[in-house]
Amino acid sequence: MSDVLERFLRYVQVDSPSDPDNEEEVPSSPLEHGMARLLADELSAMGCQDVSVDEHAYVLGTVPASAGAENLPALCLCSHLDTTADAPSLGVRPHVVRYEGGSLVAGVVDGQTIETTPEQVPDLAGFVGKDIVCSDGSTLLGADDKAGIAEICALAARLLKDPCIPHPTLKLAFVPDEEIGHGAALLDLEKLGAAWGYTVDGEALGEFNYETFNAAEALVRVRGVMVHPGSAKNVMVNAITVAAEFDQLVPAAERPEHTSGREGFFHPTVIRGTASEVTLSYIVRDHDSRIFSQRQQTLKDIAAFLNKRYGEGTVSVTLHEQYRNMAEAFGDCPFLIDNALAANREAGVEPQVIAVRGGTDGSQLSLRGLPCPNIATGGYNAHSVREFIPASSLETTVDILQNLVAKFAVPQTAGDRAPVPQAAR
């Protein structure tokens, strides 16, 4: 078993989901501390320097530069240690399946076969005869983003074992709560000491991202007027009815299930309440900052319309911006993009630049002054009990990262401009 596969199988069995209902605390779940302490211990044991883990479950470590690269700018590699609450995430039991074609079966849960078909993931055709890691079907796998952690740690172990492999000083960062939009917000960039970096938090092998959504969360609160239903005529305002009306006024064609590519969306995620009061949560996404602002205004306009109908204060909308499109951060350092594309090709992988329909910790870091595009991990079906990752993709990603860090063992020069993404997913 390869080092990266062994690490990955161990890491996914450490429960560390973030808690979307406790966003005010960092980390949002005490379980994340356990993953943070494990990583800090492993980094120290392999010989990393300046290893630390703080009260917010941020883990830092340093891999010293190879000979001749000591005075070059440090490079950050970053992944997040939380898993999502979008699917069951406690008690992950990974197993390795030798895939022989047809449906990839993770397991059978309550009589239901949990499987991924080649029609759902056409890339499966390329994995026939290879080992694929799945959960048992009752939980997600956690490749998002423990695959990234395993790949970074396997690279660090390789470089520390053979310091002659060219690389600059590497600053490793593992952060909590990325899945609930917090991520690297409290990462101390001065303490980190890197000039630029990469997150390792993508999907299919070869995908590369330096453009993300702009993202906001909207909390819609509907306050009803309750009286006895026997005397409710012309008096009662049922919060459930108004909340349903609000959701019907959100453009139906602009939901994630009807959009793709560069099309943004409104996505209702949670509804709670009674006839007296209801809360609705939406996430709002768009690559285009102008349209992103318009989407936020649309929700405010719907609330204003309903308040005219039912009375001022019936509906309120609170918006919280989560992250911004990081593409604007790479004008002065297109080599971050060029180096990543070349590193993939040197590992035998033809890269594909994708404007990702989501965000990464790099979104925050790039706009805070640490340009940080995103490298793929090799995983599929994230946030799902059908999540999987080929063992070969884990191993190839470590090779890609080795190729990548070698390119920063020499001084970097800015090019004319960065390439433009050709697709969005």
Protein backbone atom coordinates (compact mmCIF):
# COMPACT_ATOMS: atom_id res chain seq x y z
CA MET A 1 0.00 0.00 0.00
CA SER A 2 1.40 3.39 -0.98
CA ASP A 3 2.12 5.98 1.70
CA VAL A 4 -0.58 8.35 0.44
CA LEU A 5 -3.23 5.62 0.31
CA GLU A 6 -2.39 4.42 3.81
CA ARG A 7 -2.63 7.98 5.12
CA PHE A 8 -5.89 8.62 3.35
CA LEU A 9 -7.56 5.49 4.73
CA ARG A 10 -6.55 6.53 8.25
CA TYR A 11 -7.56 10.16 7.94
CA VAL A 12 -11.09 9.53 6.68
CA GLN A 13 -11.79 7.41 9.77
CA VAL A 14 -11.20 10.42 12.03
CA ASP A 15 -14.57 12.15 12.46
CA SER A 16 -14.23 15.89 11.80
CA PRO A 17 -17.41 17.33 10.25
CA SER A 18 -18.00 21.04 10.60
CA ASP A 19 -21.31 22.16 12.09
CA PRO A 20 -23.38 24.61 10.00
CA ASP A 21 -25.53 25.37 13.05
CA ASN A 22 -22.57 26.61 15.09
CA GLU A 23 -20.84 29.01 12.71
CA GLU A 24 -20.04 31.52 15.46
CA GLU A 25 -17.41 29.23 16.98
CA VAL A 26 -14.16 28.21 15.29
CA PRO A 27 -13.91 25.35 14.91
CA SER A 28 -17.64 24.84 14.68
CA SER A 29 -17.31 21.27 15.97
CA PRO A 30 -14.97 20.04 18.72
CA LEU A 31 -14.36 16.94 16.60
CA GLU A 32 -12.15 19.02 14.32
CA HIS A 33 -9.64 19.40 17.16
CA GLY A 34 -8.98 15.67 17.06
CA MET A 35 -8.04 15.76 13.39
CA ALA A 36 -5.89 18.85 13.96
CA ARG A 37 -3.94 17.23 16.82
CA LEU A 38 -3.38 14.06 14.79
CA LEU A 39 -1.93 16.06 11.89
CA ALA A 40 0.28 18.15 14.14
CA ASP A 41 1.67 14.99 15.74
CA GLU A 42 2.34 13.41 12.36
CA LEU A 43 4.05 16.50 10.96
CA SER A 44 6.33 16.63 13.99
CA ALA A 45 7.10 12.92 13.77
CA MET A 46 8.13 13.16 10.10
CA GLY A 47 10.50 16.05 10.85
CA CYS A 48 8.58 19.18 9.91
CA GLN A 49 9.69 22.35 11.64
CA ASP A 50 7.65 25.03 13.45
CA VAL A 51 4.67 22.71 13.87
CA SER A 52 1.77 24.31 15.71
CA VAL A 53 -1.91 23.76 16.30
CA ASP A 54 -3.93 26.60 17.81
CA GLU A 55 -7.17 26.91 19.74
CA HIS A 56 -9.11 27.22 16.47
CA ALA A 57 -7.73 23.94 15.05
CA TYR A 58 -5.39 25.58 12.54
CA VAL A 59 -2.35 23.38 11.90
CA LEU A 60 0.91 24.80 10.52
CA GLY A 61 4.22 23.19 9.65
CA THR A 62 7.34 23.95 7.63
CA VAL A 63 9.36 21.77 5.27
CA PRO A 64 12.84 23.34 4.89
CA ALA A 65 14.02 24.24 1.38
CA SER A 66 16.37 22.08 -0.63
CA ALA A 67 19.97 23.25 -1.04
CA GLY A 68 20.17 26.44 -3.08
CA ALA A 69 16.51 27.39 -2.64
CA GLU A 70 16.72 28.63 0.96
CA ASN A 71 16.43 32.31 0.04
CA LEU A 72 13.51 31.96 -2.37
CA PRO A 73 9.94 32.89 -1.39
CA ALA A 74 8.11 30.23 0.59
CA LEU A 75 5.22 28.35 -1.00
CA CYS A 76 2.06 27.39 0.91
CA LEU A 77 0.13 24.14 0.43
CA CYS A 78 -3.29 24.19 2.09
CA SER A 79 -6.19 21.77 2.62
CA HIS A 80 -9.16 21.77 4.97
CA LEU A 81 -9.62 19.20 7.72
CA ASP A 82 -13.40 19.36 8.06
CA THR A 83 -15.91 17.29 6.13
CA THR A 84 -19.38 18.41 5.11
CA ALA A 85 -22.66 17.84 6.92
CA ASP A 86 -24.48 17.53 3.57
CA ALA A 87 -24.30 13.73 3.92
CA PRO A 88 -23.81 11.41 6.89
CA SER A 89 -20.19 11.90 7.94
CA LEU A 90 -19.63 10.08 11.24
CA GLY A 91 -18.08 6.64 11.41
CA VAL A 92 -16.64 6.48 7.89
CA ARG A 93 -15.63 2.91 6.96
CA PRO A 94 -13.53 3.07 3.80
CA HIS A 95 -12.73 0.07 1.65
CA VAL A 96 -10.83 -0.51 -1.56
CA VAL A 97 -12.74 -1.91 -4.55
CA ARG A 98 -11.02 -3.44 -7.56
CA TYR A 99 -13.21 -1.94 -10.28
CA GLU A 100 -13.99 -4.29 -13.15
CA GLY A 101 -16.49 -2.16 -15.06
CA GLY A 102 -20.22 -1.47 -14.83
CA SER A 103 -21.59 0.18 -11.72
CA LEU A 104 -19.17 1.02 -8.93
CA VAL A 105 -20.83 -0.35 -5.79
CA ALA A 106 -19.89 1.27 -2.49
CA GLY A 107 -22.16 -0.93 -0.39
CA VAL A 108 -25.71 -1.94 0.45
CA VAL A 109 -27.57 0.16 3.03
CA ASP A 110 -31.01 -0.87 4.28
CA GLY A 111 -31.44 -3.06 1.23
CA GLN A 112 -30.48 -0.28 -1.20
CA THR A 113 -27.40 -0.66 -3.38
CA ILE A 114 -25.30 2.51 -3.24
CA GLU A 115 -23.69 2.71 -6.64
CA THR A 116 -22.30 5.05 -9.27
CA THR A 117 -22.95 4.23 -12.90
CA PRO A 118 -20.71 5.02 -15.87
CA GLU A 119 -23.53 7.21 -17.16
CA GLN A 120 -23.29 9.32 -14.01
CA VAL A 121 -19.47 9.47 -14.07
CA PRO A 122 -18.10 8.72 -17.55
CA ASP A 123 -14.54 8.84 -16.17
CA LEU A 124 -15.18 5.41 -14.63
CA ALA A 125 -14.33 3.86 -17.99
CA GLY A 126 -10.72 4.89 -17.43
CA PHE A 127 -10.48 3.10 -14.06
CA VAL A 128 -11.29 -0.47 -15.11
CA GLY A 129 -8.85 -2.83 -13.44
CA LYS A 130 -7.79 -0.20 -10.87
CA ASP A 131 -8.34 0.14 -7.13
CA ILE A 132 -10.95 2.69 -6.05
CA VAL A 133 -11.61 3.82 -2.49
CA CYS A 134 -15.27 4.12 -1.41
CA SER A 135 -17.13 4.32 1.87
CA ASP A 136 -19.48 1.49 2.74
CA GLY A 137 -22.35 3.56 1.35
CA SER A 138 -23.76 4.68 4.69
CA THR A 139 -21.59 7.82 4.87
CA LEU A 140 -19.61 10.06 2.61
CA LEU A 141 -15.98 9.10 2.10
CA GLY A 142 -14.30 12.38 3.10
CA ALA A 143 -11.99 12.73 0.11
CA ASP A 144 -13.13 16.34 0.24
CA ASP A 145 -10.67 17.21 1.60
CA LYS A 146 -8.78 14.48 3.41
CA ALA A 147 -7.43 13.37 0.06
CA GLY A 148 -5.76 16.79 -0.18
CA ILE A 149 -4.35 16.41 3.33
CA ALA A 150 -3.01 12.93 2.59
CA GLU A 151 -1.41 14.11 -0.64
CA ILE A 152 0.29 17.09 1.01
CA CYS A 153 1.52 14.99 3.93
CA ALA A 154 2.81 12.26 1.60
CA LEU A 155 4.70 14.91 -0.37
CA ALA A 156 6.15 16.37 2.84
CA ALA A 157 7.30 12.93 3.99
CA ARG A 158 8.92 12.32 0.58
CA LEU A 159 10.79 15.63 0.64
CA LEU A 160 11.96 15.21 4.21
CA LYS A 161 13.21 11.72 3.43
CA ASP A 162 15.05 12.96 0.32
CA PRO A 163 15.90 16.68 0.78
CA CYS A 164 17.76 16.65 -2.56
CA ILE A 165 14.40 16.82 -4.38
CA PRO A 166 14.24 20.51 -5.40
CA HIS A 167 11.72 22.65 -3.54
CA PRO A 168 11.50 26.01 -1.77
CA THR A 169 10.53 26.35 1.85
CA LEU A 170 7.05 24.85 2.08
CA LYS A 171 4.49 26.19 4.51
CA LEU A 172 1.80 23.59 5.21
CA ALA A 173 -1.59 24.75 6.45
CA PHE A 174 -4.58 22.64 7.42
CA VAL A 175 -7.65 24.67 8.30
CA PRO A 176 -11.11 24.05 9.80
CA ASP A 177 -14.64 24.88 8.68
CA GLU A 178 -14.10 25.33 4.94
CA GLU A 179 -17.38 23.53 4.28
CA ILE A 180 -19.38 26.22 6.06
CA GLY A 181 -17.62 29.15 4.41
CA HIS A 182 -15.14 30.01 7.16
CA GLY A 183 -12.04 28.10 6.09
CA ALA A 184 -8.86 30.13 6.13
CA ALA A 185 -10.41 33.31 7.53
CA LEU A 186 -8.31 33.20 10.72
CA LEU A 187 -5.11 31.96 9.08
CA ASP A 188 -2.34 34.32 10.19
CA LEU A 189 -0.65 35.15 6.89
CA GLU A 190 2.23 36.97 8.54
CA LYS A 191 3.00 33.96 10.71
CA LEU A 192 2.53 31.66 7.71
CA GLY A 193 5.21 33.58 5.81
CA ALA A 194 4.40 32.39 2.28
CA ALA A 195 4.44 34.55 -0.84
CA TRP A 196 1.88 32.46 -2.72
CA GLY A 197 0.36 29.03 -2.52
CA TYR A 198 -2.01 26.35 -3.71
CA THR A 199 -4.99 24.70 -2.14
CA VAL A 200 -5.30 20.97 -2.83
CA ASP A 201 -9.07 20.70 -2.81
CA GLY A 202 -10.24 20.00 -6.36
CA GLU A 203 -11.98 17.10 -8.00
CA ALA A 204 -11.04 14.94 -11.02
CA LEU A 205 -7.34 14.50 -11.70
CA GLY A 206 -6.00 17.26 -13.94
CA GLU A 207 -8.65 19.84 -13.16
CA PHE A 208 -7.17 23.19 -12.16
CA ASN A 209 -9.06 26.17 -10.79
CA TYR A 210 -8.20 29.80 -10.44
CA GLU A 211 -11.73 31.14 -10.85
CA THR A 212 -14.53 30.45 -8.38
CA PHE A 213 -18.04 31.61 -7.63
CA ASN A 214 -18.82 34.72 -5.66
CA ALA A 215 -20.81 33.37 -2.73
CA ALA A 216 -23.29 34.63 -0.18
CA GLU A 217 -25.63 33.10 2.36
CA ALA A 218 -29.12 34.58 2.80
CA LEU A 219 -31.25 34.11 5.90
CA VAL A 220 -34.92 34.88 5.27
CA ARG A 221 -37.09 35.32 8.34
CA VAL A 222 -40.88 35.38 8.03
CA ARG A 223 -42.93 36.58 11.01
CA GLY A 224 -46.58 35.64 10.97
CA VAL A 225 -49.64 36.90 12.85
CA MET A 226 -51.32 34.09 14.75
CA VAL A 227 -54.86 34.01 16.05
CA HIS A 228 -57.31 31.16 16.61
CA PRO A 229 -58.15 29.72 13.19
CA GLY A 230 -61.82 30.03 14.01
CA SER A 231 -61.53 33.82 13.96
CA ALA A 232 -58.61 34.18 11.54
CA LYS A 233 -60.31 35.82 8.57
CA ASN A 234 -58.54 39.04 7.54
CA VAL A 235 -56.29 38.78 10.61
CA MET A 236 -54.03 35.73 10.38
CA VAL A 237 -50.77 35.88 8.43
CA ASN A 238 -49.46 32.32 8.23
CA ALA A 239 -45.68 32.38 8.12
CA ILE A 240 -45.57 29.01 6.34
CA THR A 241 -47.76 30.34 3.54
CA VAL A 242 -45.67 33.50 3.16
CA ALA A 243 -42.43 31.51 3.19
CA ALA A 244 -43.77 29.27 0.43
CA GLU A 245 -44.73 32.36 -1.55
CA PHE A 246 -41.25 33.81 -1.08
CA ASP A 247 -39.66 30.66 -2.44
CA GLN A 248 -42.04 30.58 -5.41
CA LEU A 249 -40.96 34.12 -6.33
CA VAL A 250 -37.29 33.11 -6.49
CA PRO A 251 -36.59 32.49 -10.22
CA ALA A 252 -37.33 28.80 -10.74
CA ALA A 253 -34.98 28.38 -13.70
CA GLU A 254 -32.07 29.72 -11.62
CA ARG A 255 -31.77 26.80 -9.21
CA PRO A 256 -28.67 24.59 -9.16
CA GLU A 257 -30.60 21.66 -10.62
CA HIS A 258 -31.29 23.75 -13.74
CA THR A 259 -27.94 25.51 -14.19
CA SER A 260 -24.44 24.64 -15.33
CA GLY A 261 -21.23 26.21 -16.62
CA ARG A 262 -21.07 29.89 -15.75
CA GLU A 263 -24.72 30.16 -14.78
CA GLY A 264 -25.22 31.21 -11.17
CA PHE A 265 -28.06 30.13 -8.92
CA PHE A 266 -30.26 30.52 -5.84
CA HIS A 267 -30.26 27.37 -3.69
CA PRO A 268 -32.63 26.89 -0.73
CA THR A 269 -30.84 24.76 1.84
CA VAL A 270 -32.82 24.81 5.11
CA ILE A 271 -36.38 25.60 6.18
CA ARG A 272 -37.53 25.65 9.80
CA GLY A 273 -40.51 26.99 11.64
CA THR A 274 -44.21 27.09 12.40
CA ALA A 275 -47.20 29.10 11.32
CA SER A 276 -45.91 31.85 13.64
CA GLU A 277 -42.35 32.14 12.31
CA VAL A 278 -40.33 30.50 9.57
CA THR A 279 -36.69 30.83 8.58
CA LEU A 280 -35.36 29.95 5.15
CA SER A 281 -31.67 29.68 4.25
CA TYR A 282 -30.37 30.15 0.72
CA ILE A 283 -26.93 30.12 -0.81
CA VAL A 284 -26.42 32.56 -3.69
CA ARG A 285 -23.70 32.00 -6.28
CA ASP A 286 -22.38 33.65 -9.46
CA HIS A 287 -19.04 34.04 -11.20
CA ASP A 288 -19.89 37.54 -12.40
CA SER A 289 -19.69 40.11 -9.57
CA ARG A 290 -22.31 42.39 -11.16
CA ILE A 291 -24.84 39.58 -11.54
CA PHE A 292 -23.95 38.36 -8.05
CA SER A 293 -25.00 41.75 -6.66
CA GLN A 294 -28.20 41.60 -8.69
CA ARG A 295 -29.02 38.20 -7.23
CA GLN A 296 -28.72 39.55 -3.70
CA GLN A 297 -30.93 42.48 -4.65
CA THR A 298 -33.54 40.08 -6.07
CA LEU A 299 -34.02 38.52 -2.64
CA LYS A 300 -34.39 41.95 -1.06
CA ASP A 301 -36.91 42.94 -3.72
CA ILE A 302 -39.00 39.83 -3.07
CA ALA A 303 -39.06 40.66 0.63
CA ALA A 304 -40.11 44.25 -0.11
CA PHE A 305 -42.92 43.02 -2.38
CA LEU A 306 -44.28 40.66 0.29
CA ASN A 307 -44.02 43.32 2.99
CA LYS A 308 -46.26 45.57 0.92
CA ARG A 309 -48.78 42.74 0.74
CA TYR A 310 -48.64 41.49 4.33
CA GLY A 311 -47.27 44.41 6.31
CA GLU A 312 -43.86 45.92 6.94
CA GLY A 313 -41.56 43.62 8.91
CA THR A 314 -43.26 40.42 7.83
CA VAL A 315 -40.22 39.33 5.78
CA SER A 316 -36.59 40.24 6.37
CA VAL A 317 -33.47 39.16 4.47
CA THR A 318 -30.00 39.09 6.04
CA LEU A 319 -27.11 38.54 3.61
CA HIS A 320 -23.64 37.36 4.52
CA GLU A 321 -20.95 37.25 1.84
CA GLN A 322 -18.88 34.07 2.20
CA TYR A 323 -16.15 34.42 -0.45
CA ARG A 324 -15.33 36.19 -3.71
CA ASN A 325 -14.19 35.05 -7.15
CA MET A 326 -10.41 34.77 -6.80
CA ALA A 327 -9.60 35.20 -10.52
CA GLU A 328 -8.75 38.88 -10.05
CA ALA A 329 -5.81 37.99 -7.80
CA PHE A 330 -3.55 36.45 -10.46
CA GLY A 331 -2.71 39.34 -12.76
CA ASP A 332 0.77 39.80 -11.29
CA CYS A 333 1.66 36.12 -10.93
CA PRO A 334 0.46 34.08 -13.91
CA PHE A 335 3.36 31.69 -13.27
CA LEU A 336 1.17 30.15 -10.55
CA ILE A 337 -1.09 28.98 -13.33
CA ASP A 338 1.62 28.09 -15.84
CA ASN A 339 3.57 26.05 -13.27
CA ALA A 340 0.52 24.06 -12.23
CA LEU A 341 -0.40 23.20 -15.82
CA ALA A 342 3.18 22.13 -16.58
CA ALA A 343 3.37 20.03 -13.38
CA ASN A 344 0.31 18.06 -14.49
CA ARG A 345 1.70 17.43 -17.96
CA GLU A 346 5.02 16.25 -16.55
CA ALA A 347 3.08 13.62 -14.57
CA GLY A 348 1.33 12.44 -17.74
CA VAL A 349 -1.94 14.26 -17.01
CA GLU A 350 -3.44 16.69 -19.50
CA PRO A 351 -4.76 19.57 -17.38
CA GLN A 352 -8.13 21.23 -17.82
CA VAL A 353 -8.69 24.76 -16.53
CA ILE A 354 -12.12 24.87 -14.89
CA ALA A 355 -14.01 27.84 -13.49
CA VAL A 356 -15.22 25.91 -10.50
CA ARG A 357 -18.88 26.04 -9.44
CA GLY A 358 -17.96 26.42 -5.79
CA GLY A 359 -15.19 27.92 -3.72
CA THR A 360 -12.00 26.96 -1.94
CA ASP A 361 -9.91 28.35 0.88
CA GLY A 362 -7.93 29.93 -1.94
CA SER A 363 -10.84 32.29 -2.58
CA GLN A 364 -10.29 33.95 0.79
CA LEU A 365 -6.52 33.68 0.72
CA SER A 366 -6.16 35.16 -2.76
CA LEU A 367 -8.20 38.22 -1.90
CA ARG A 368 -6.31 38.63 1.38
CA GLY A 369 -3.08 38.90 -0.55
CA LEU A 370 -1.88 35.29 -0.83
CA PRO A 371 -2.59 34.23 -4.45
CA CYS A 372 -3.71 30.63 -4.14
CA PRO A 373 -5.22 28.64 -7.04
CA ASN A 374 -6.53 25.11 -6.62
CA ILE A 375 -5.06 21.71 -7.52
CA ALA A 376 -7.23 18.61 -8.02
CA THR A 377 -7.21 15.74 -5.51
CA GLY A 378 -8.65 13.12 -7.88
CA GLY A 379 -11.99 12.65 -6.08
CA TYR A 380 -15.54 12.29 -7.41
CA ASN A 381 -19.09 12.71 -6.09
CA ALA A 382 -18.11 14.99 -3.20
CA HIS A 383 -20.70 15.58 -0.46
CA SER A 384 -22.33 12.24 -1.24
CA VAL A 385 -22.46 8.67 0.04
CA ARG A 386 -21.34 7.79 -3.51
CA GLU A 387 -18.08 9.70 -3.11
CA PHE A 388 -15.00 7.84 -4.34
CA ILE A 389 -11.38 8.33 -5.34
CA PRO A 390 -9.06 6.05 -7.35
CA ALA A 391 -5.92 5.04 -5.47
CA SER A 392 -3.89 5.86 -8.57
CA SER A 393 -5.20 9.45 -8.52
CA LEU A 394 -3.98 9.90 -4.96
CA GLU A 395 -0.55 8.67 -5.99
CA THR A 396 -0.38 10.72 -9.19
CA THR A 397 -1.37 13.88 -7.32
CA VAL A 398 1.66 13.49 -5.04
CA ASP A 399 3.83 13.31 -8.15
CA ILE A 400 2.13 16.41 -9.56
CA LEU A 401 2.81 18.26 -6.31
CA GLN A 402 6.46 17.20 -6.42
CA ASN A 403 6.74 18.53 -9.98
CA LEU A 404 5.01 21.71 -8.88
CA VAL A 405 7.17 22.58 -5.88
CA ALA A 406 10.31 21.94 -7.94
CA LYS A 407 9.30 24.83 -10.20
CA PHE A 408 9.48 27.20 -7.22
CA ALA A 409 13.05 26.14 -6.41
CA VAL A 410 14.15 28.78 -8.94
CA PRO A 411 13.20 32.48 -9.12
CA GLN A 412 9.81 33.23 -10.71
CA THR A 413 9.16 35.79 -13.44
CA ALA A 414 5.80 37.27 -14.35
CA GLY A 415 4.42 36.59 -17.81
CA ASP A 416 2.14 38.78 -19.88
CA ARG A 417 -1.19 37.38 -18.73
CA ALA A 418 -2.79 34.25 -17.40
CA PRO A 419 -4.82 31.89 -19.60
CA VAL A 420 -8.60 32.21 -19.58
CA PRO A 421 -10.67 29.28 -18.27
CA GLN A 422 -12.32 27.38 -21.08
CA ALA A 423 -15.05 25.69 -19.10
CA ALA A 424 -16.98 25.82 -15.84
CA ARG A 425 -18.21 23.01 -13.65
